[in-house]
Amino acid sequence: MHRVFSVTLLALLTSVTLGQSKPDREAQRDACVRSLSSFAADPALIKPPEFLEDFKGVTIEYFESGCFGDCPSFTLHIEHNKAIWNGHAFVRKKGRAEKQLSSSEFTAIVNAWIGAKMYAMRDDYCQPTCPDGTRTMITDVQNTSITLITPAYSKQVSECFTTTDGKPDNPKPPQEYYQFAHRLVQFAKSNHWL
């Protein structure tokens, strides 16, 4: 898979203006990636959002964008009584499908979102702003996102983690992001959608 690391024009001009060598720019990028990986703030210091006891009005959506290869592309939308699938490419079920959910199944999914501390993660791991103000952009990789919406709260976390020669090109979300995403992928697989 072809991967490209792009830096904004402003960042390039800043690097050239400051006379930084290529190793200095790479070291600066690596430091930025390390500093923005993991949670946005210590989850122990952030209070999770409050939900109604029955999770009424809560939805969770998992999205995979696909890529220029054979990466799956789909959206999985989950609400209190059903899951709605919309498969686009490289999936078992293209188009729309629906499955009824019990309240205990939905409660378990929402509790897994809370347990993953998704509320403490950065919103965007794909085009982060470094502490020095530069922005990075990754292209030609699969993007995923997990969104939770309630009547009074919303949170979306986007990721597109990739590496070149074993070095991260962009920040990596905490492992809990991938564990929760895996749970949603397994749900789709169990319904023969993925």
C-alpha atoms as a PDB file:
ATOM      1  CA  MET A   1       0.000   0.000   0.000  1.00  0.00           C
ATOM      2  CA  HIS A   2       1.355   3.407  -0.960  1.00  0.00           C
ATOM      3  CA  ARG A   3       1.589   5.763   2.018  1.00  0.00           C
ATOM      4  CA  VAL A   4       2.337   9.444   1.914  1.00  0.00           C
ATOM      5  CA  PHE A   5       3.223  11.832   4.736  1.00  0.00           C
ATOM      6  CA  SER A   6       2.353  15.413   3.897  1.00  0.00           C
ATOM      7  CA  VAL A   7       3.129  18.524   5.890  1.00  0.00           C
ATOM      8  CA  THR A   8       1.239  21.750   5.396  1.00  0.00           C
ATOM      9  CA  LEU A   9       2.852  24.522   3.397  1.00  0.00           C
ATOM     10  CA  LEU A  10       3.131  26.594   6.563  1.00  0.00           C
ATOM     11  CA  ALA A  11       5.086  23.805   8.268  1.00  0.00           C
ATOM     12  CA  LEU A  12       7.405  23.490   5.266  1.00  0.00           C
ATOM     13  CA  LEU A  13       7.991  27.226   5.204  1.00  0.00           C
ATOM     14  CA  THR A  14       8.638  27.225   8.942  1.00  0.00           C
ATOM     15  CA  SER A  15      11.179  24.414   8.604  1.00  0.00           C
ATOM     16  CA  VAL A  16      12.943  26.076   5.681  1.00  0.00           C
ATOM     17  CA  THR A  17      12.907  29.467   7.372  1.00  0.00           C
ATOM     18  CA  LEU A  18      14.399  28.109  10.540  1.00  0.00           C
ATOM     19  CA  GLY A  19      17.053  26.311   8.527  1.00  0.00           C
ATOM     20  CA  GLN A  20      16.233  22.912   9.941  1.00  0.00           C
ATOM     21  CA  SER A  21      17.880  19.930   8.356  1.00  0.00           C
ATOM     22  CA  LYS A  22      15.857  16.929   7.250  1.00  0.00           C
ATOM     23  CA  PRO A  23      16.885  14.923  10.361  1.00  0.00           C
ATOM     24  CA  ASP A  24      15.776  17.860  12.547  1.00  0.00           C
ATOM     25  CA  ARG A  25      12.382  18.020  10.796  1.00  0.00           C
ATOM     26  CA  GLU A  26      11.975  14.238  11.137  1.00  0.00           C
ATOM     27  CA  ALA A  27      12.904  14.378  14.822  1.00  0.00           C
ATOM     28  CA  GLN A  28      10.372  17.196  15.306  1.00  0.00           C
ATOM     29  CA  ARG A  29       7.687  15.158  13.506  1.00  0.00           C
ATOM     30  CA  ASP A  30       8.508  12.056  15.579  1.00  0.00           C
ATOM     31  CA  ALA A  31       8.261  14.081  18.797  1.00  0.00           C
ATOM     32  CA  CYS A  32       4.894  15.467  17.670  1.00  0.00           C
ATOM     33  CA  VAL A  33       3.575  11.974  16.869  1.00  0.00           C
ATOM     34  CA  ARG A  34       4.686  10.674  20.275  1.00  0.00           C
ATOM     35  CA  SER A  35       3.191  13.632  22.139  1.00  0.00           C
ATOM     36  CA  LEU A  36      -0.217  13.257  20.442  1.00  0.00           C
ATOM     37  CA  SER A  37      -0.510   9.473  20.720  1.00  0.00           C
ATOM     38  CA  SER A  38      -2.750   7.977  23.404  1.00  0.00           C
ATOM     39  CA  PHE A  39      -5.432   9.868  25.337  1.00  0.00           C
ATOM     40  CA  ALA A  40      -5.996  13.619  25.047  1.00  0.00           C
ATOM     41  CA  ALA A  41      -6.018  13.815  28.841  1.00  0.00           C
ATOM     42  CA  ASP A  42      -5.686  11.413  31.742  1.00  0.00           C
ATOM     43  CA  PRO A  43      -8.966   9.437  31.732  1.00  0.00           C
ATOM     44  CA  ALA A  44      -8.873   9.323  35.536  1.00  0.00           C
ATOM     45  CA  LEU A  45      -9.277  13.108  35.555  1.00  0.00           C
ATOM     46  CA  ILE A  46     -12.158  13.261  33.073  1.00  0.00           C
ATOM     47  CA  LYS A  47     -15.690  12.438  34.110  1.00  0.00           C
ATOM     48  CA  PRO A  48     -17.535  10.258  31.596  1.00  0.00           C
ATOM     49  CA  PRO A  49     -20.677  11.724  30.060  1.00  0.00           C
ATOM     50  CA  GLU A  50     -23.949  11.095  31.872  1.00  0.00           C
ATOM     51  CA  PHE A  51     -26.536   8.904  30.192  1.00  0.00           C
ATOM     52  CA  LEU A  52     -30.174   8.214  30.899  1.00  0.00           C
ATOM     53  CA  GLU A  53     -30.536   4.904  32.696  1.00  0.00           C
ATOM     54  CA  ASP A  54     -32.062   3.197  29.639  1.00  0.00           C
ATOM     55  CA  PHE A  55     -29.618   4.892  27.203  1.00  0.00           C
ATOM     56  CA  LYS A  56     -32.589   6.404  25.391  1.00  0.00           C
ATOM     57  CA  GLY A  57     -31.493   8.584  22.473  1.00  0.00           C
ATOM     58  CA  VAL A  58     -27.962   7.135  22.357  1.00  0.00           C
ATOM     59  CA  THR A  59     -26.454   6.013  19.047  1.00  0.00           C
ATOM     60  CA  ILE A  60     -23.047   4.619  18.193  1.00  0.00           C
ATOM     61  CA  GLU A  61     -21.658   4.595  14.686  1.00  0.00           C
ATOM     62  CA  TYR A  62     -18.548   2.824  13.428  1.00  0.00           C
ATOM     63  CA  PHE A  63     -17.179   3.803  10.020  1.00  0.00           C
ATOM     64  CA  GLU A  64     -14.393   2.319   7.884  1.00  0.00           C
ATOM     65  CA  SER A  65     -13.505   4.331   4.783  1.00  0.00           C
ATOM     66  CA  GLY A  66     -11.824   1.704   2.670  1.00  0.00           C
ATOM     67  CA  CYS A  67      -8.561   2.462   0.879  1.00  0.00           C
ATOM     68  CA  PHE A  68      -6.974   2.137  -2.564  1.00  0.00           C
ATOM     69  CA  GLY A  69      -6.531  -1.590  -1.833  1.00  0.00           C
ATOM     70  CA  ASP A  70      -9.023  -4.149  -0.577  1.00  0.00           C
ATOM     71  CA  CYS A  71      -9.868  -2.562   2.785  1.00  0.00           C
ATOM     72  CA  PRO A  72     -13.521  -2.922   3.805  1.00  0.00           C
ATOM     73  CA  SER A  73     -15.741   0.140   3.481  1.00  0.00           C
ATOM     74  CA  PHE A  74     -18.909   0.282   5.568  1.00  0.00           C
ATOM     75  CA  THR A  75     -20.931   2.053   8.231  1.00  0.00           C
ATOM     76  CA  LEU A  76     -22.419   0.281  11.258  1.00  0.00           C
ATOM     77  CA  HIS A  77     -25.058   2.328  13.099  1.00  0.00           C
ATOM     78  CA  ILE A  78     -26.285   1.016  16.467  1.00  0.00           C
ATOM     79  CA  GLU A  79     -29.179   2.361  18.509  1.00  0.00           C
ATOM     80  CA  HIS A  80     -31.251   1.133  21.447  1.00  0.00           C
ATOM     81  CA  ASN A  81     -33.221  -1.525  19.565  1.00  0.00           C
ATOM     82  CA  LYS A  82     -31.413  -2.173  16.281  1.00  0.00           C
ATOM     83  CA  ALA A  83     -28.204  -2.208  14.299  1.00  0.00           C
ATOM     84  CA  ILE A  84     -28.183  -0.831  10.767  1.00  0.00           C
ATOM     85  CA  TRP A  85     -25.462  -1.905   8.343  1.00  0.00           C
ATOM     86  CA  ASN A  86     -24.512  -0.141   5.124  1.00  0.00           C
ATOM     87  CA  GLY A  87     -21.795  -2.049   3.251  1.00  0.00           C
ATOM     88  CA  HIS A  88     -19.942  -0.378   0.393  1.00  0.00           C
ATOM     89  CA  ALA A  89     -16.919  -2.436  -0.717  1.00  0.00           C
ATOM     90  CA  PHE A  90     -14.933  -5.546   0.255  1.00  0.00           C
ATOM     91  CA  VAL A  91     -17.668  -6.713   2.629  1.00  0.00           C
ATOM     92  CA  ARG A  92     -19.904  -9.799   2.618  1.00  0.00           C
ATOM     93  CA  LYS A  93     -23.108  -7.762   2.615  1.00  0.00           C
ATOM     94  CA  LYS A  94     -23.209  -4.777   0.277  1.00  0.00           C
ATOM     95  CA  GLY A  95     -26.038  -2.348   0.801  1.00  0.00           C
ATOM     96  CA  ARG A  96     -28.326  -2.070   3.791  1.00  0.00           C
ATOM     97  CA  ALA A  97     -29.120  -4.686   6.423  1.00  0.00           C
ATOM     98  CA  GLU A  98     -30.772  -4.455   9.806  1.00  0.00           C
ATOM     99  CA  LYS A  99     -30.783  -6.535  12.986  1.00  0.00           C
ATOM    100  CA  GLN A 100     -32.926  -6.136  16.084  1.00  0.00           C
ATOM    101  CA  LEU A 101     -31.036  -5.671  19.362  1.00  0.00           C
ATOM    102  CA  SER A 102     -32.144  -6.430  22.883  1.00  0.00           C
ATOM    103  CA  SER A 103     -31.757  -3.701  25.474  1.00  0.00           C
ATOM    104  CA  SER A 104     -29.085  -5.799  27.225  1.00  0.00           C
ATOM    105  CA  GLU A 105     -27.052  -6.083  23.981  1.00  0.00           C
ATOM    106  CA  PHE A 106     -27.220  -2.333  23.450  1.00  0.00           C
ATOM    107  CA  THR A 107     -26.410  -1.595  27.099  1.00  0.00           C
ATOM    108  CA  ALA A 108     -23.339  -3.848  26.845  1.00  0.00           C
ATOM    109  CA  ILE A 109     -22.115  -1.950  23.762  1.00  0.00           C
ATOM    110  CA  VAL A 110     -22.580   1.471  25.369  1.00  0.00           C
ATOM    111  CA  ASN A 111     -20.887   0.265  28.564  1.00  0.00           C
ATOM    112  CA  ALA A 112     -17.983  -1.014  26.443  1.00  0.00           C
ATOM    113  CA  TRP A 113     -17.684   2.484  24.897  1.00  0.00           C
ATOM    114  CA  ILE A 114     -17.551   3.981  28.400  1.00  0.00           C
ATOM    115  CA  GLY A 115     -15.102   1.278  29.547  1.00  0.00           C
ATOM    116  CA  ALA A 116     -12.827   2.079  26.608  1.00  0.00           C
ATOM    117  CA  LYS A 117     -12.718   5.678  27.869  1.00  0.00           C
ATOM    118  CA  MET A 118     -13.546   6.938  24.386  1.00  0.00           C
ATOM    119  CA  TYR A 119     -14.670  10.224  25.971  1.00  0.00           C
ATOM    120  CA  ALA A 120     -11.036  10.957  26.981  1.00  0.00           C
ATOM    121  CA  MET A 121      -9.524  10.404  23.518  1.00  0.00           C
ATOM    122  CA  ARG A 122      -8.561  13.021  20.973  1.00  0.00           C
ATOM    123  CA  ASP A 123     -11.174  13.789  18.344  1.00  0.00           C
ATOM    124  CA  ASP A 124      -8.739  13.502  15.440  1.00  0.00           C
ATOM    125  CA  TYR A 125      -5.681  11.270  15.217  1.00  0.00           C
ATOM    126  CA  CYS A 126      -5.502  11.680  11.414  1.00  0.00           C
ATOM    127  CA  GLN A 127      -4.767  15.394  10.980  1.00  0.00           C
ATOM    128  CA  PRO A 128      -3.508  16.489  14.376  1.00  0.00           C
ATOM    129  CA  THR A 129      -2.072  19.870  15.212  1.00  0.00           C
ATOM    130  CA  CYS A 130       1.379  19.559  16.759  1.00  0.00           C
ATOM    131  CA  PRO A 131       2.324  21.628  19.818  1.00  0.00           C
ATOM    132  CA  ASP A 132       4.291  23.978  17.525  1.00  0.00           C
ATOM    133  CA  GLY A 133       1.165  24.633  15.418  1.00  0.00           C
ATOM    134  CA  THR A 134       2.075  22.518  12.383  1.00  0.00           C
ATOM    135  CA  ARG A 135      -0.477  20.054  11.048  1.00  0.00           C
ATOM    136  CA  THR A 136       0.094  16.682   9.459  1.00  0.00           C
ATOM    137  CA  MET A 137      -2.038  14.920   6.890  1.00  0.00           C
ATOM    138  CA  ILE A 138      -1.951  11.243   5.993  1.00  0.00           C
ATOM    139  CA  THR A 139      -3.339  10.095   2.643  1.00  0.00           C
ATOM    140  CA  ASP A 140      -4.084   6.725   1.018  1.00  0.00           C
ATOM    141  CA  VAL A 141      -4.783   4.816   4.220  1.00  0.00           C
ATOM    142  CA  GLN A 142      -7.967   3.483   5.690  1.00  0.00           C
ATOM    143  CA  ASN A 143      -9.699   5.883   8.061  1.00  0.00           C
ATOM    144  CA  THR A 144     -11.973   4.666  10.814  1.00  0.00           C
ATOM    145  CA  SER A 145     -14.133   6.586  13.237  1.00  0.00           C
ATOM    146  CA  ILE A 146     -16.330   5.829  16.212  1.00  0.00           C
ATOM    147  CA  THR A 147     -19.076   8.309  17.036  1.00  0.00           C
ATOM    148  CA  LEU A 148     -21.385   8.367  20.032  1.00  0.00           C
ATOM    149  CA  ILE A 149     -24.328  10.779  20.074  1.00  0.00           C
ATOM    150  CA  THR A 150     -26.814  11.455  22.867  1.00  0.00           C
ATOM    151  CA  PRO A 151     -29.411  14.234  23.161  1.00  0.00           C
ATOM    152  CA  ALA A 152     -26.899  16.268  25.217  1.00  0.00           C
ATOM    153  CA  TYR A 153     -23.458  14.989  24.171  1.00  0.00           C
ATOM    154  CA  SER A 154     -21.519  13.868  21.110  1.00  0.00           C
ATOM    155  CA  LYS A 155     -18.029  12.512  20.608  1.00  0.00           C
ATOM    156  CA  GLN A 156     -16.282  11.332  17.457  1.00  0.00           C
ATOM    157  CA  VAL A 157     -12.812   9.789  17.417  1.00  0.00           C
ATOM    158  CA  SER A 158     -11.126   9.407  14.015  1.00  0.00           C
ATOM    159  CA  GLU A 159      -7.989   7.411  13.350  1.00  0.00           C
ATOM    160  CA  CYS A 160      -5.857   6.449  10.353  1.00  0.00           C
ATOM    161  CA  PHE A 161      -2.720   5.111  12.027  1.00  0.00           C
ATOM    162  CA  THR A 162       0.023   4.037   9.663  1.00  0.00           C
ATOM    163  CA  THR A 163       3.767   3.500   9.690  1.00  0.00           C
ATOM    164  CA  THR A 164       6.598   3.844   7.201  1.00  0.00           C
ATOM    165  CA  ASP A 165       9.666   1.680   7.738  1.00  0.00           C
ATOM    166  CA  GLY A 166       8.350   0.816  11.201  1.00  0.00           C
ATOM    167  CA  LYS A 167       8.025   4.443  12.313  1.00  0.00           C
ATOM    168  CA  PRO A 168       4.586   5.957  13.013  1.00  0.00           C
ATOM    169  CA  ASP A 169       3.496   8.569  10.488  1.00  0.00           C
ATOM    170  CA  ASN A 170       0.777   9.970  12.715  1.00  0.00           C
ATOM    171  CA  PRO A 171      -0.462   9.650  16.291  1.00  0.00           C
ATOM    172  CA  LYS A 172      -1.930   6.358  17.427  1.00  0.00           C
ATOM    173  CA  PRO A 173      -5.067   6.196  19.550  1.00  0.00           C
ATOM    174  CA  PRO A 174      -4.945   4.213  22.774  1.00  0.00           C
ATOM    175  CA  GLN A 175      -5.303   0.440  22.521  1.00  0.00           C
ATOM    176  CA  GLU A 176      -8.814   0.777  23.957  1.00  0.00           C
ATOM    177  CA  TYR A 177      -9.926   2.363  20.668  1.00  0.00           C
ATOM    178  CA  TYR A 178      -8.897  -0.745  18.753  1.00  0.00           C
ATOM    179  CA  GLN A 179     -10.429  -3.079  21.332  1.00  0.00           C
ATOM    180  CA  PHE A 180     -13.791  -1.345  21.063  1.00  0.00           C
ATOM    181  CA  ALA A 181     -13.550  -1.233  17.241  1.00  0.00           C
ATOM    182  CA  HIS A 182     -12.760  -4.973  17.278  1.00  0.00           C
ATOM    183  CA  ARG A 183     -15.930  -5.580  19.288  1.00  0.00           C
ATOM    184  CA  LEU A 184     -17.975  -3.769  16.612  1.00  0.00           C
ATOM    185  CA  VAL A 185     -16.188  -5.631  13.800  1.00  0.00           C
ATOM    186  CA  GLN A 186     -16.924  -8.968  15.529  1.00  0.00           C
ATOM    187  CA  PHE A 187     -20.582  -7.941  15.808  1.00  0.00           C
ATOM    188  CA  ALA A 188     -20.662  -7.285  12.037  1.00  0.00           C
ATOM    189  CA  LYS A 189     -18.913 -10.580  11.326  1.00  0.00           C
ATOM    190  CA  SER A 190     -21.337 -12.500  13.549  1.00  0.00           C
ATOM    191  CA  ASN A 191     -24.157 -11.181  11.344  1.00  0.00           C
ATOM    192  CA  HIS A 192     -22.275 -12.187   8.157  1.00  0.00           C
ATOM    193  CA  TRP A 193     -22.043  -8.575   7.029  1.00  0.00           C
ATOM    194  CA  LEU A 194     -18.249  -8.398   7.121  1.00  0.00           C
END
